[in-house]
Amino acid sequence: MEGTHLVQPAVAALVAAFVAARAYRRKSLDLSGALAGFLVMAVHIAAGYSSSKLTKVGEEKKREVDADFKEGGQRNWIQVLSNSAVATVLVVVICTLTGWKDECLDSGKSALITSLIGGVIGHY
């Protein structure tokens, strides 16, 4: 189907625009931050899609050398938790410390919260 290759970038742009606009309206970001955030999110969302497509490259060779090969590069629970457990724990700690309120990166207000948020960002 012609034009279907544009669906993922369009969805990435829409999601990124929504999140950036919401952050701007809530005054979490100024205009330059919202624009930069939009670009970063759109690229990350589109790149995530691209990387999942690239996982399929060389499937036959992977199938020959890997006894645990899974179609489409599927991940099991161990791989999911291995890749996300640290960030998940940090998010739960942040939310517990902040009373589940949105907090911006503001080391003047709370160096601990800013450090923990930096840990989540750095994890990914």
PDB file of N, CA and C in Angstrom:
ATOM      1  N   MET A   1       0.843  -1.168   0.000  1.00  0.00           N
ATOM      2  CA  MET A   1       0.000   0.000   0.000  1.00  0.00           C
ATOM      3  C   MET A   1       0.894   1.240   0.000  1.00  0.00           C
ATOM      4  N   GLU A   2       0.664   2.133  -0.925  1.00  0.00           N
ATOM      5  CA  GLU A   2       1.479   3.324  -1.077  1.00  0.00           C
ATOM      6  C   GLU A   2       1.236   4.318   0.052  1.00  0.00           C
ATOM      7  N   GLY A   3       2.315   4.868   0.587  1.00  0.00           N
ATOM      8  CA  GLY A   3       2.203   5.872   1.627  1.00  0.00           C
ATOM      9  C   GLY A   3       2.148   5.325   3.050  1.00  0.00           C
ATOM     10  N   THR A   4       2.093   3.998   3.208  1.00  0.00           N
ATOM     11  CA  THR A   4       2.003   3.448   4.562  1.00  0.00           C
ATOM     12  C   THR A   4       3.306   3.635   5.328  1.00  0.00           C
ATOM     13  N   HIS A   5       4.412   3.849   4.625  1.00  0.00           N
ATOM     14  CA  HIS A   5       5.687   4.066   5.309  1.00  0.00           C
ATOM     15  C   HIS A   5       5.714   5.408   6.038  1.00  0.00           C
ATOM     16  N   LEU A   6       4.738   6.254   5.786  1.00  0.00           N
ATOM     17  CA  LEU A   6       4.665   7.559   6.449  1.00  0.00           C
ATOM     18  C   LEU A   6       3.806   7.536   7.712  1.00  0.00           C
ATOM     19  N   VAL A   7       3.143   6.416   7.978  1.00  0.00           N
ATOM     20  CA  VAL A   7       2.249   6.343   9.128  1.00  0.00           C
ATOM     21  C   VAL A   7       3.030   6.490  10.433  1.00  0.00           C
ATOM     22  N   GLN A   8       4.115   5.740  10.600  1.00  0.00           N
ATOM     23  CA  GLN A   8       4.874   5.792  11.853  1.00  0.00           C
ATOM     24  C   GLN A   8       5.443   7.185  12.131  1.00  0.00           C
ATOM     25  N   PRO A   9       6.101   7.839  11.158  1.00  0.00           N
ATOM     26  CA  PRO A   9       6.577   9.197  11.439  1.00  0.00           C
ATOM     27  C   PRO A   9       5.437  10.167  11.753  1.00  0.00           C
ATOM     28  N   ALA A  10       4.285   9.993  11.113  1.00  0.00           N
ATOM     29  CA  ALA A  10       3.144  10.870  11.383  1.00  0.00           C
ATOM     30  C   ALA A  10       2.627  10.658  12.804  1.00  0.00           C
ATOM     31  N   VAL A  11       2.527   9.399  13.231  1.00  0.00           N
ATOM     32  CA  VAL A  11       2.082   9.101  14.600  1.00  0.00           C
ATOM     33  C   VAL A  11       3.110   9.633  15.595  1.00  0.00           C
ATOM     34  N   ALA A  12       4.392   9.456  15.298  1.00  0.00           N
ATOM     35  CA  ALA A  12       5.451   9.964  16.181  1.00  0.00           C
ATOM     36  C   ALA A  12       5.334  11.475  16.329  1.00  0.00           C
ATOM     37  N   ALA A  13       5.096  12.169  15.232  1.00  0.00           N
ATOM     38  CA  ALA A  13       4.976  13.629  15.275  1.00  0.00           C
ATOM     39  C   ALA A  13       3.740  14.054  16.062  1.00  0.00           C
ATOM     40  N   LEU A  14       2.625  13.343  15.889  1.00  0.00           N
ATOM     41  CA  LEU A  14       1.399  13.692  16.621  1.00  0.00           C
ATOM     42  C   LEU A  14       1.560  13.485  18.130  1.00  0.00           C
ATOM     43  N   VAL A  15       2.118  12.352  18.515  1.00  0.00           N
ATOM     44  CA  VAL A  15       2.317  12.070  19.942  1.00  0.00           C
ATOM     45  C   VAL A  15       3.282  13.084  20.543  1.00  0.00           C
ATOM     46  N   ALA A  16       4.392  13.333  19.843  1.00  0.00           N
ATOM     47  CA  ALA A  16       5.386  14.286  20.338  1.00  0.00           C
ATOM     48  C   ALA A  16       4.792  15.689  20.441  1.00  0.00           C
ATOM     49  N   ALA A  17       3.988  16.073  19.459  1.00  0.00           N
ATOM     50  CA  ALA A  17       3.360  17.398  19.488  1.00  0.00           C
ATOM     51  C   ALA A  17       2.394  17.521  20.665  1.00  0.00           C
ATOM     52  N   PHE A  18       1.621  16.475  20.906  1.00  0.00           N
ATOM     53  CA  PHE A  18       0.673  16.492  22.020  1.00  0.00           C
ATOM     54  C   PHE A  18       1.405  16.646  23.354  1.00  0.00           C
ATOM     55  N   VAL A  19       2.441  15.843  23.573  1.00  0.00           N
ATOM     56  CA  VAL A  19       3.174  15.884  24.839  1.00  0.00           C
ATOM     57  C   VAL A  19       3.881  17.230  25.009  1.00  0.00           C
ATOM     58  N   ALA A  20       4.527  17.708  23.958  1.00  0.00           N
ATOM     59  CA  ALA A  20       5.243  18.994  24.038  1.00  0.00           C
ATOM     60  C   ALA A  20       4.269  20.145  24.276  1.00  0.00           C
ATOM     61  N   ALA A  21       3.123  20.137  23.598  1.00  0.00           N
ATOM     62  CA  ALA A  21       2.130  21.201  23.778  1.00  0.00           C
ATOM     63  C   ALA A  21       1.561  21.180  25.190  1.00  0.00           C
ATOM     64  N   ARG A  22       1.320  19.995  25.711  1.00  0.00           N
ATOM     65  CA  ARG A  22       0.792  19.883  27.078  1.00  0.00           C
ATOM     66  C   ARG A  22       1.814  20.410  28.091  1.00  0.00           C
ATOM     67  N   ALA A  23       3.072  20.047  27.903  1.00  0.00           N
ATOM     68  CA  ALA A  23       4.122  20.525  28.815  1.00  0.00           C
ATOM     69  C   ALA A  23       4.256  22.045  28.725  1.00  0.00           C
ATOM     70  N   TYR A  24       4.103  22.596  27.521  1.00  0.00           N
ATOM     71  CA  TYR A  24       4.180  24.049  27.343  1.00  0.00           C
ATOM     72  C   TYR A  24       2.996  24.745  28.019  1.00  0.00           C
ATOM     73  N   ARG A  25       1.788  24.209  27.829  1.00  0.00           N
ATOM     74  CA  ARG A  25       0.593  24.790  28.442  1.00  0.00           C
ATOM     75  C   ARG A  25       0.655  24.743  29.969  1.00  0.00           C
ATOM     76  N   ARG A  26       1.238  23.683  30.503  1.00  0.00           N
ATOM     77  CA  ARG A  26       1.350  23.546  31.960  1.00  0.00           C
ATOM     78  C   ARG A  26       2.542  24.315  32.516  1.00  0.00           C
ATOM     79  N   LYS A  27       3.257  24.987  31.615  1.00  0.00           N
ATOM     80  CA  LYS A  27       4.421  25.790  31.970  1.00  0.00           C
ATOM     81  C   LYS A  27       5.572  24.951  32.535  1.00  0.00           C
ATOM     82  N   SER A  28       5.612  23.670  32.140  1.00  0.00           N
ATOM     83  CA  SER A  28       6.748  22.822  32.496  1.00  0.00           C
ATOM     84  C   SER A  28       7.921  23.116  31.573  1.00  0.00           C
ATOM     85  N   LEU A  29       7.608  23.582  30.359  1.00  0.00           N
ATOM     86  CA  LEU A  29       8.627  23.929  29.372  1.00  0.00           C
ATOM     87  C   LEU A  29       8.327  25.305  28.802  1.00  0.00           C
ATOM     88  N   ASP A  30       9.387  26.044  28.447  1.00  0.00           N
ATOM     89  CA  ASP A  30       9.149  27.269  27.686  1.00  0.00           C
ATOM     90  C   ASP A  30       9.068  26.866  26.216  1.00  0.00           C
ATOM     91  N   LEU A  31       8.911  27.831  25.318  1.00  0.00           N
ATOM     92  CA  LEU A  31       8.720  27.503  23.905  1.00  0.00           C
ATOM     93  C   LEU A  31       9.916  26.749  23.335  1.00  0.00           C
ATOM     94  N   SER A  32      11.135  27.188  23.676  1.00  0.00           N
ATOM     95  CA  SER A  32      12.323  26.508  23.137  1.00  0.00           C
ATOM     96  C   SER A  32      12.408  25.078  23.670  1.00  0.00           C
ATOM     97  N   GLY A  33      12.042  24.872  24.943  1.00  0.00           N
ATOM     98  CA  GLY A  33      12.046  23.529  25.517  1.00  0.00           C
ATOM     99  C   GLY A  33      11.007  22.631  24.871  1.00  0.00           C
ATOM    100  N   ALA A  34       9.836  23.199  24.587  1.00  0.00           N
ATOM    101  CA  ALA A  34       8.777  22.423  23.940  1.00  0.00           C
ATOM    102  C   ALA A  34       9.181  22.017  22.525  1.00  0.00           C
ATOM    103  N   LEU A  35       9.801  22.942  21.798  1.00  0.00           N
ATOM    104  CA  LEU A  35      10.242  22.615  20.436  1.00  0.00           C
ATOM    105  C   LEU A  35      11.332  21.546  20.447  1.00  0.00           C
ATOM    106  N   ALA A  36      12.295  21.711  21.360  1.00  0.00           N
ATOM    107  CA  ALA A  36      13.366  20.707  21.467  1.00  0.00           C
ATOM    108  C   ALA A  36      12.789  19.361  21.904  1.00  0.00           C
ATOM    109  N   GLY A  37      11.871  19.397  22.862  1.00  0.00           N
ATOM    110  CA  GLY A  37      11.232  18.169  23.321  1.00  0.00           C
ATOM    111  C   GLY A  37      10.471  17.478  22.206  1.00  0.00           C
ATOM    112  N   PHE A  38       9.765  18.262  21.413  1.00  0.00           N
ATOM    113  CA  PHE A  38       9.044  17.701  20.270  1.00  0.00           C
ATOM    114  C   PHE A  38      10.004  16.963  19.340  1.00  0.00           C
ATOM    115  N   LEU A  39      11.111  17.617  18.982  1.00  0.00           N
ATOM    116  CA  LEU A  39      12.073  16.995  18.066  1.00  0.00           C
ATOM    117  C   LEU A  39      12.656  15.712  18.649  1.00  0.00           C
ATOM    118  N   VAL A  40      13.053  15.763  19.912  1.00  0.00           N
ATOM    119  CA  VAL A  40      13.652  14.587  20.550  1.00  0.00           C
ATOM    120  C   VAL A  40      12.652  13.437  20.623  1.00  0.00           C
ATOM    121  N   MET A  41      11.420  13.734  21.068  1.00  0.00           N
ATOM    122  CA  MET A  41      10.408  12.678  21.177  1.00  0.00           C
ATOM    123  C   MET A  41      10.069  12.079  19.822  1.00  0.00           C
ATOM    124  N   ALA A  42       9.895  12.922  18.820  1.00  0.00           N
ATOM    125  CA  ALA A  42       9.541  12.419  17.491  1.00  0.00           C
ATOM    126  C   ALA A  42      10.627  11.501  16.955  1.00  0.00           C
ATOM    127  N   VAL A  43      11.879  11.899  17.140  1.00  0.00           N
ATOM    128  CA  VAL A  43      12.996  11.072  16.667  1.00  0.00           C
ATOM    129  C   VAL A  43      13.044   9.757  17.435  1.00  0.00           C
ATOM    130  N   HIS A  44      12.878   9.818  18.753  1.00  0.00           N
ATOM    131  CA  HIS A  44      12.937   8.595  19.558  1.00  0.00           C
ATOM    132  C   HIS A  44      11.805   7.634  19.229  1.00  0.00           C
ATOM    133  N   ILE A  45      10.607   8.155  19.043  1.00  0.00           N
ATOM    134  CA  ILE A  45       9.473   7.288  18.713  1.00  0.00           C
ATOM    135  C   ILE A  45       9.684   6.654  17.344  1.00  0.00           C
ATOM    136  N   ALA A  46      10.074   7.460  16.365  1.00  0.00           N
ATOM    137  CA  ALA A  46      10.311   6.931  15.018  1.00  0.00           C
ATOM    138  C   ALA A  46      11.492   5.963  15.016  1.00  0.00           C
ATOM    139  N   ALA A  47      12.550   6.273  15.787  1.00  0.00           N
ATOM    140  CA  ALA A  47      13.722   5.391  15.842  1.00  0.00           C
ATOM    141  C   ALA A  47      13.367   4.064  16.504  1.00  0.00           C
ATOM    142  N   GLY A  48      12.501   4.109  17.508  1.00  0.00           N
ATOM    143  CA  GLY A  48      12.069   2.866  18.149  1.00  0.00           C
ATOM    144  C   GLY A  48      11.377   1.947  17.160  1.00  0.00           C
ATOM    145  N   TYR A  49      10.565   2.528  16.318  1.00  0.00           N
ATOM    146  CA  TYR A  49       9.896   1.750  15.279  1.00  0.00           C
ATOM    147  C   TYR A  49      10.913   1.186  14.298  1.00  0.00           C
ATOM    148  N   SER A  50      11.864   2.030  13.880  1.00  0.00           N
ATOM    149  CA  SER A  50      12.882   1.601  12.930  1.00  0.00           C
ATOM    150  C   SER A  50      13.734   0.483  13.507  1.00  0.00           C
ATOM    151  N   SER A  51      14.101   0.604  14.787  1.00  0.00           N
ATOM    152  CA  SER A  51      14.946  -0.422  15.385  1.00  0.00           C
ATOM    153  C   SER A  51      14.206  -1.750  15.484  1.00  0.00           C
ATOM    154  N   SER A  52      12.885  -1.702  15.708  1.00  0.00           N
ATOM    155  CA  SER A  52      12.139  -2.958  15.747  1.00  0.00           C
ATOM    156  C   SER A  52      12.088  -3.594  14.360  1.00  0.00           C
ATOM    157  N   LYS A  53      12.072  -2.764  13.327  1.00  0.00           N
ATOM    158  CA  LYS A  53      12.130  -3.296  11.957  1.00  0.00           C
ATOM    159  C   LYS A  53      13.511  -3.884  11.673  1.00  0.00           C
ATOM    160  N   LEU A  54      14.559  -3.214  12.159  1.00  0.00           N
ATOM    161  CA  LEU A  54      15.924  -3.699  11.927  1.00  0.00           C
ATOM    162  C   LEU A  54      16.198  -5.011  12.650  1.00  0.00           C
ATOM    163  N   THR A  55      15.454  -5.283  13.715  1.00  0.00           N
ATOM    164  CA  THR A  55      15.606  -6.545  14.445  1.00  0.00           C
ATOM    165  C   THR A  55      15.366  -7.724  13.514  1.00  0.00           C
ATOM    166  N   LYS A  56      14.539  -7.515  12.518  1.00  0.00           N
ATOM    167  CA  LYS A  56      14.184  -8.599  11.609  1.00  0.00           C
ATOM    168  C   LYS A  56      15.246  -8.871  10.552  1.00  0.00           C
ATOM    169  N   VAL A  57      16.228  -7.949  10.423  1.00  0.00           N
ATOM    170  CA  VAL A  57      17.300  -8.144   9.455  1.00  0.00           C
ATOM    171  C   VAL A  57      18.149  -9.327   9.886  1.00  0.00           C
ATOM    172  N   GLY A  58      18.394 -10.238   8.997  1.00  0.00           N
ATOM    173  CA  GLY A  58      19.234 -11.399   9.282  1.00  0.00           C
ATOM    174  C   GLY A  58      18.561 -12.459  10.133  1.00  0.00           C
ATOM    175  N   GLU A  59      17.231 -12.540  10.077  1.00  0.00           N
ATOM    176  CA  GLU A  59      16.511 -13.507  10.906  1.00  0.00           C
ATOM    177  C   GLU A  59      16.951 -14.944  10.641  1.00  0.00           C
ATOM    178  N   GLU A  60      17.184 -15.287   9.389  1.00  0.00           N
ATOM    179  CA  GLU A  60      17.564 -16.665   9.061  1.00  0.00           C
ATOM    180  C   GLU A  60      18.891 -17.051   9.713  1.00  0.00           C
ATOM    181  N   LYS A  61      19.863 -16.151   9.650  1.00  0.00           N
ATOM    182  CA  LYS A  61      21.169 -16.435  10.265  1.00  0.00           C
ATOM    183  C   LYS A  61      21.025 -16.549  11.782  1.00  0.00           C
ATOM    184  N   LYS A  62      20.244 -15.645  12.379  1.00  0.00           N
ATOM    185  CA  LYS A  62      20.024 -15.689  13.826  1.00  0.00           C
ATOM    186  C   LYS A  62      19.344 -17.003  14.219  1.00  0.00           C
ATOM    187  N   ARG A  63      18.421 -17.439  13.395  1.00  0.00           N
ATOM    188  CA  ARG A  63      17.692 -18.681  13.667  1.00  0.00           C
ATOM    189  C   ARG A  63      18.654 -19.869  13.709  1.00  0.00           C
ATOM    190  N   GLU A  64      19.668 -19.850  12.840  1.00  0.00           N
ATOM    191  CA  GLU A  64      20.642 -20.942  12.778  1.00  0.00           C
ATOM    192  C   GLU A  64      21.569 -20.984  13.990  1.00  0.00           C
ATOM    193  N   VAL A  65      21.956 -19.829  14.518  1.00  0.00           N
ATOM    194  CA  VAL A  65      22.942 -19.792  15.601  1.00  0.00           C
ATOM    195  C   VAL A  65      22.340 -19.683  17.001  1.00  0.00           C
ATOM    196  N   ASP A  66      21.082 -19.318  17.114  1.00  0.00           N
ATOM    197  CA  ASP A  66      20.464 -19.105  18.419  1.00  0.00           C
ATOM    198  C   ASP A  66      19.371 -20.128  18.670  1.00  0.00           C
ATOM    199  N   ALA A  67      19.605 -21.011  19.638  1.00  0.00           N
ATOM    200  CA  ALA A  67      18.619 -22.041  19.954  1.00  0.00           C
ATOM    201  C   ALA A  67      17.325 -21.437  20.498  1.00  0.00           C
ATOM    202  N   ASP A  68      17.424 -20.271  21.128  1.00  0.00           N
ATOM    203  CA  ASP A  68      16.246 -19.611  21.702  1.00  0.00           C
ATOM    204  C   ASP A  68      15.677 -18.526  20.797  1.00  0.00           C
ATOM    205  N   PHE A  69      15.962 -18.608  19.495  1.00  0.00           N
ATOM    206  CA  PHE A  69      15.494 -17.585  18.552  1.00  0.00           C
ATOM    207  C   PHE A  69      13.979 -17.466  18.598  1.00  0.00           C
ATOM    208  N   LYS A  70      13.504 -16.219  18.596  1.00  0.00           N
ATOM    209  CA  LYS A  70      12.067 -15.965  18.566  1.00  0.00           C
ATOM    210  C   LYS A  70      11.750 -15.113  17.350  1.00  0.00           C
ATOM    211  N   GLU A  71      10.685 -15.449  16.686  1.00  0.00           N
ATOM    212  CA  GLU A  71      10.223 -14.732  15.497  1.00  0.00           C
ATOM    213  C   GLU A  71      10.059 -13.244  15.802  1.00  0.00           C
ATOM    214  N   GLY A  72      10.625 -12.389  14.958  1.00  0.00           N
ATOM    215  CA  GLY A  72      10.475 -10.947  15.113  1.00  0.00           C
ATOM    216  C   GLY A  72      11.283 -10.359  16.258  1.00  0.00           C
ATOM    217  N   GLY A  73      12.194 -11.139  16.839  1.00  0.00           N
ATOM    218  CA  GLY A  73      13.018 -10.625  17.922  1.00  0.00           C
ATOM    219  C   GLY A  73      12.246 -10.415  19.212  1.00  0.00           C
ATOM    220  N   GLN A  74      11.206 -11.194  19.445  1.00  0.00           N
ATOM    221  CA  GLN A  74      10.377 -11.024  20.640  1.00  0.00           C
ATOM    222  C   GLN A  74      11.215 -11.154  21.903  1.00  0.00           C
ATOM    223  N   ARG A  75      10.873 -10.353  22.902  1.00  0.00           N
ATOM    224  CA  ARG A  75      11.569 -10.383  24.183  1.00  0.00           C
ATOM    225  C   ARG A  75      10.692 -11.079  25.217  1.00  0.00           C
ATOM    226  N   ASN A  76      11.325 -11.816  26.130  1.00  0.00           N
ATOM    227  CA  ASN A  76      10.561 -12.432  27.208  1.00  0.00           C
ATOM    228  C   ASN A  76      10.606 -11.527  28.440  1.00  0.00           C
ATOM    229  N   TRP A  77       9.950 -11.949  29.511  1.00  0.00           N
ATOM    230  CA  TRP A  77       9.845 -11.108  30.710  1.00  0.00           C
ATOM    231  C   TRP A  77      11.200 -10.811  31.328  1.00  0.00           C
ATOM    232  N   ILE A  78      12.132 -11.742  31.241  1.00  0.00           N
ATOM    233  CA  ILE A  78      13.467 -11.526  31.811  1.00  0.00           C
ATOM    234  C   ILE A  78      14.165 -10.384  31.082  1.00  0.00           C
ATOM    235  N   GLN A  79      14.092 -10.373  29.759  1.00  0.00           N
ATOM    236  CA  GLN A  79      14.717  -9.307  28.985  1.00  0.00           C
ATOM    237  C   GLN A  79      14.029  -7.961  29.231  1.00  0.00           C
ATOM    238  N   VAL A  80      12.706  -7.975  29.330  1.00  0.00           N
ATOM    239  CA  VAL A  80      11.972  -6.735  29.576  1.00  0.00           C
ATOM    240  C   VAL A  80      12.374  -6.148  30.926  1.00  0.00           C
ATOM    241  N   LEU A  81      12.379  -6.978  31.962  1.00  0.00           N
ATOM    242  CA  LEU A  81      12.752  -6.480  33.288  1.00  0.00           C
ATOM    243  C   LEU A  81      14.229  -6.094  33.361  1.00  0.00           C
ATOM    244  N   SER A  82      15.079  -6.827  32.676  1.00  0.00           N
ATOM    245  CA  SER A  82      16.501  -6.491  32.671  1.00  0.00           C
ATOM    246  C   SER A  82      16.741  -5.116  32.064  1.00  0.00           C
ATOM    247  N   ASN A  83      15.952  -4.763  31.070  1.00  0.00           N
ATOM    248  CA  ASN A  83      16.120  -3.480  30.394  1.00  0.00           C
ATOM    249  C   ASN A  83      15.373  -2.333  31.063  1.00  0.00           C
ATOM    250  N   SER A  84      14.457  -2.632  31.972  1.00  0.00           N
ATOM    251  CA  SER A  84      13.643  -1.552  32.527  1.00  0.00           C
ATOM    252  C   SER A  84      13.552  -1.514  34.041  1.00  0.00           C
ATOM    253  N   ALA A  85      14.065  -2.503  34.742  1.00  0.00           N
ATOM    254  CA  ALA A  85      13.875  -2.589  36.193  1.00  0.00           C
ATOM    255  C   ALA A  85      14.471  -1.397  36.938  1.00  0.00           C
ATOM    256  N   VAL A  86      15.674  -0.997  36.592  1.00  0.00           N
ATOM    257  CA  VAL A  86      16.322   0.112  37.302  1.00  0.00           C
ATOM    258  C   VAL A  86      15.506   1.394  37.154  1.00  0.00           C
ATOM    259  N   ALA A  87      15.126   1.723  35.926  1.00  0.00           N
ATOM    260  CA  ALA A  87      14.345   2.939  35.693  1.00  0.00           C
ATOM    261  C   ALA A  87      12.985   2.852  36.380  1.00  0.00           C
ATOM    262  N   THR A  88      12.377   1.692  36.377  1.00  0.00           N
ATOM    263  CA  THR A  88      11.076   1.525  37.014  1.00  0.00           C
ATOM    264  C   THR A  88      11.177   1.763  38.518  1.00  0.00           C
ATOM    265  N   VAL A  89      12.202   1.215  39.148  1.00  0.00           N
ATOM    266  CA  VAL A  89      12.401   1.430  40.581  1.00  0.00           C
ATOM    267  C   VAL A  89      12.633   2.917  40.863  1.00  0.00           C
ATOM    268  N   LEU A  90      13.446   3.572  40.035  1.00  0.00           N
ATOM    269  CA  LEU A  90      13.691   5.003  40.226  1.00  0.00           C
ATOM    270  C   LEU A  90      12.404   5.810  40.096  1.00  0.00           C
ATOM    271  N   VAL A  91      11.555   5.481  39.132  1.00  0.00           N
ATOM    272  CA  VAL A  91      10.290   6.189  38.954  1.00  0.00           C
ATOM    273  C   VAL A  91       9.395   5.998  40.176  1.00  0.00           C
ATOM    274  N   VAL A  92       9.328   4.783  40.705  1.00  0.00           N
ATOM    275  CA  VAL A  92       8.508   4.533  41.893  1.00  0.00           C
ATOM    276  C   VAL A  92       9.049   5.329  43.086  1.00  0.00           C
ATOM    277  N   VAL A  93      10.370   5.375  43.247  1.00  0.00           N
ATOM    278  CA  VAL A  93      10.975   6.155  44.337  1.00  0.00           C
ATOM    279  C   VAL A  93      10.655   7.636  44.166  1.00  0.00           C
ATOM    280  N   ILE A  94      10.808   8.156  42.941  1.00  0.00           N
ATOM    281  CA  ILE A  94      10.496   9.571  42.677  1.00  0.00           C
ATOM    282  C   ILE A  94       9.043   9.866  43.028  1.00  0.00           C
ATOM    283  N   CYS A  95       8.144   9.033  42.539  1.00  0.00           N
ATOM    284  CA  CYS A  95       6.716   9.256  42.785  1.00  0.00           C
ATOM    285  C   CYS A  95       6.384   9.180  44.269  1.00  0.00           C
ATOM    286  N   THR A  96       7.008   8.269  44.983  1.00  0.00           N
ATOM    287  CA  THR A  96       6.783   8.152  46.416  1.00  0.00           C
ATOM    288  C   THR A  96       7.278   9.403  47.144  1.00  0.00           C
ATOM    289  N   LEU A  97       8.454   9.879  46.774  1.00  0.00           N
ATOM    290  CA  LEU A  97       9.025  11.062  47.421  1.00  0.00           C
ATOM    291  C   LEU A  97       8.255  12.347  47.101  1.00  0.00           C
ATOM    292  N   THR A  98       7.670  12.424  45.911  1.00  0.00           N
ATOM    293  CA  THR A  98       6.967  13.647  45.501  1.00  0.00           C
ATOM    294  C   THR A  98       5.468  13.583  45.759  1.00  0.00           C
ATOM    295  N   GLY A  99       4.988  12.481  46.308  1.00  0.00           N
ATOM    296  CA  GLY A  99       3.545  12.339  46.519  1.00  0.00           C
ATOM    297  C   GLY A  99       2.802  12.176  45.206  1.00  0.00           C
ATOM    298  N   TRP A 100       3.454  11.625  44.217  1.00  0.00           N
ATOM    299  CA  TRP A 100       2.881  11.361  42.898  1.00  0.00           C
ATOM    300  C   TRP A 100       2.489  12.639  42.164  1.00  0.00           C
ATOM    301  N   LYS A 101       3.222  13.735  42.430  1.00  0.00           N
ATOM    302  CA  LYS A 101       3.008  14.999  41.725  1.00  0.00           C
ATOM    303  C   LYS A 101       4.085  15.168  40.665  1.00  0.00           C
ATOM    304  N   ASP A 102       3.749  15.901  39.600  1.00  0.00           N
ATOM    305  CA  ASP A 102       4.743  16.222  38.579  1.00  0.00           C
ATOM    306  C   ASP A 102       5.821  17.108  39.182  1.00  0.00           C
ATOM    307  N   GLU A 103       7.062  16.770  38.928  1.00  0.00           N
ATOM    308  CA  GLU A 103       8.183  17.593  39.385  1.00  0.00           C
ATOM    309  C   GLU A 103       9.108  17.831  38.208  1.00  0.00           C
ATOM    310  N   CYS A 104       9.557  19.048  38.074  1.00  0.00           N
ATOM    311  CA  CYS A 104      10.506  19.386  37.015  1.00  0.00           C
ATOM    312  C   CYS A 104      11.923  19.184  37.522  1.00  0.00           C
ATOM    313  N   LEU A 105      12.845  19.189  36.591  1.00  0.00           N
ATOM    314  CA  LEU A 105      14.260  19.158  36.970  1.00  0.00           C
ATOM    315  C   LEU A 105      14.604  20.522  37.564  1.00  0.00           C
ATOM    316  N   ASP A 106      14.756  20.574  38.871  1.00  0.00           N
ATOM    317  CA  ASP A 106      15.050  21.825  39.558  1.00  0.00           C
ATOM    318  C   ASP A 106      15.942  21.504  40.751  1.00  0.00           C
ATOM    319  N   SER A 107      17.240  21.514  40.506  1.00  0.00           N
ATOM    320  CA  SER A 107      18.163  21.127  41.565  1.00  0.00           C
ATOM    321  C   SER A 107      18.137  22.088  42.742  1.00  0.00           C
ATOM    322  N   GLY A 108      17.673  23.325  42.524  1.00  0.00           N
ATOM    323  CA  GLY A 108      17.549  24.267  43.625  1.00  0.00           C
ATOM    324  C   GLY A 108      16.462  23.845  44.590  1.00  0.00           C
ATOM    325  N   LYS A 109      15.403  23.278  44.065  1.00  0.00           N
ATOM    326  CA  LYS A 109      14.276  22.848  44.896  1.00  0.00           C
ATOM    327  C   LYS A 109      14.569  21.492  45.548  1.00  0.00           C
ATOM    328  N   SER A 110      15.081  20.567  44.772  1.00  0.00           N
ATOM    329  CA  SER A 110      15.382  19.244  45.322  1.00  0.00           C
ATOM    330  C   SER A 110      16.462  18.565  44.482  1.00  0.00           C
ATOM    331  N   ALA A 111      17.653  18.561  45.007  1.00  0.00           N
ATOM    332  CA  ALA A 111      18.768  17.907  44.312  1.00  0.00           C
ATOM    333  C   ALA A 111      18.526  16.405  44.199  1.00  0.00           C
ATOM    334  N   LEU A 112      17.891  15.818  45.220  1.00  0.00           N
ATOM    335  CA  LEU A 112      17.632  14.376  45.193  1.00  0.00           C
ATOM    336  C   LEU A 112      16.679  14.004  44.060  1.00  0.00           C
ATOM    337  N   ILE A 113      15.555  14.721  43.965  1.00  0.00           N
ATOM    338  CA  ILE A 113      14.582  14.421  42.907  1.00  0.00           C
ATOM    339  C   ILE A 113      15.209  14.637  41.542  1.00  0.00           C
ATOM    340  N   THR A 114      15.949  15.729  41.386  1.00  0.00           N
ATOM    341  CA  THR A 114      16.612  16.009  40.115  1.00  0.00           C
ATOM    342  C   THR A 114      17.597  14.898  39.776  1.00  0.00           C
ATOM    343  N   SER A 115      18.337  14.417  40.751  1.00  0.00           N
ATOM    344  CA  SER A 115      19.297  13.332  40.516  1.00  0.00           C
ATOM    345  C   SER A 115      18.594  12.041  40.113  1.00  0.00           C
ATOM    346  N   LEU A 116      17.496  11.744  40.794  1.00  0.00           N
ATOM    347  CA  LEU A 116      16.747  10.531  40.455  1.00  0.00           C
ATOM    348  C   LEU A 116      16.154  10.614  39.051  1.00  0.00           C
ATOM    349  N   ILE A 117      15.607  11.772  38.702  1.00  0.00           N
ATOM    350  CA  ILE A 117      15.071  11.950  37.346  1.00  0.00           C
ATOM    351  C   ILE A 117      16.200  11.813  36.328  1.00  0.00           C
ATOM    352  N   GLY A 118      17.358  12.390  36.641  1.00  0.00           N
ATOM    353  CA  GLY A 118      18.521  12.230  35.776  1.00  0.00           C
ATOM    354  C   GLY A 118      18.906  10.767  35.620  1.00  0.00           C
ATOM    355  N   GLY A 119      18.752   9.986  36.692  1.00  0.00           N
ATOM    356  CA  GLY A 119      19.028   8.550  36.617  1.00  0.00           C
ATOM    357  C   GLY A 119      18.090   7.832  35.670  1.00  0.00           C
ATOM    358  N   VAL A 120      16.804   8.219  35.691  1.00  0.00           N
ATOM    359  CA  VAL A 120      15.835   7.612  34.774  1.00  0.00           C
ATOM    360  C   VAL A 120      16.190   7.971  33.331  1.00  0.00           C
ATOM    361  N   ILE A 121      16.456   9.254  33.104  1.00  0.00           N
ATOM    362  CA  ILE A 121      16.812   9.703  31.751  1.00  0.00           C
ATOM    363  C   ILE A 121      18.087   9.010  31.288  1.00  0.00           C
ATOM    364  N   GLY A 122      19.077   8.971  32.159  1.00  0.00           N
ATOM    365  CA  GLY A 122      20.353   8.337  31.798  1.00  0.00           C
ATOM    366  C   GLY A 122      20.234   6.839  31.557  1.00  0.00           C
ATOM    367  N   HIS A 123      19.301   6.211  32.239  1.00  0.00           N
ATOM    368  CA  HIS A 123      19.115   4.769  32.050  1.00  0.00           C
ATOM    369  C   HIS A 123      18.747   4.442  30.617  1.00  0.00           C
ATOM    370  N   TYR A 124      17.943   5.306  30.028  1.00  0.00           N
ATOM    371  CA  TYR A 124      17.510   5.059  28.661  1.00  0.00           C
ATOM    372  C   TYR A 124      18.393   5.761  27.679  1.00  0.00           C
TER     373      TYR A 124
END
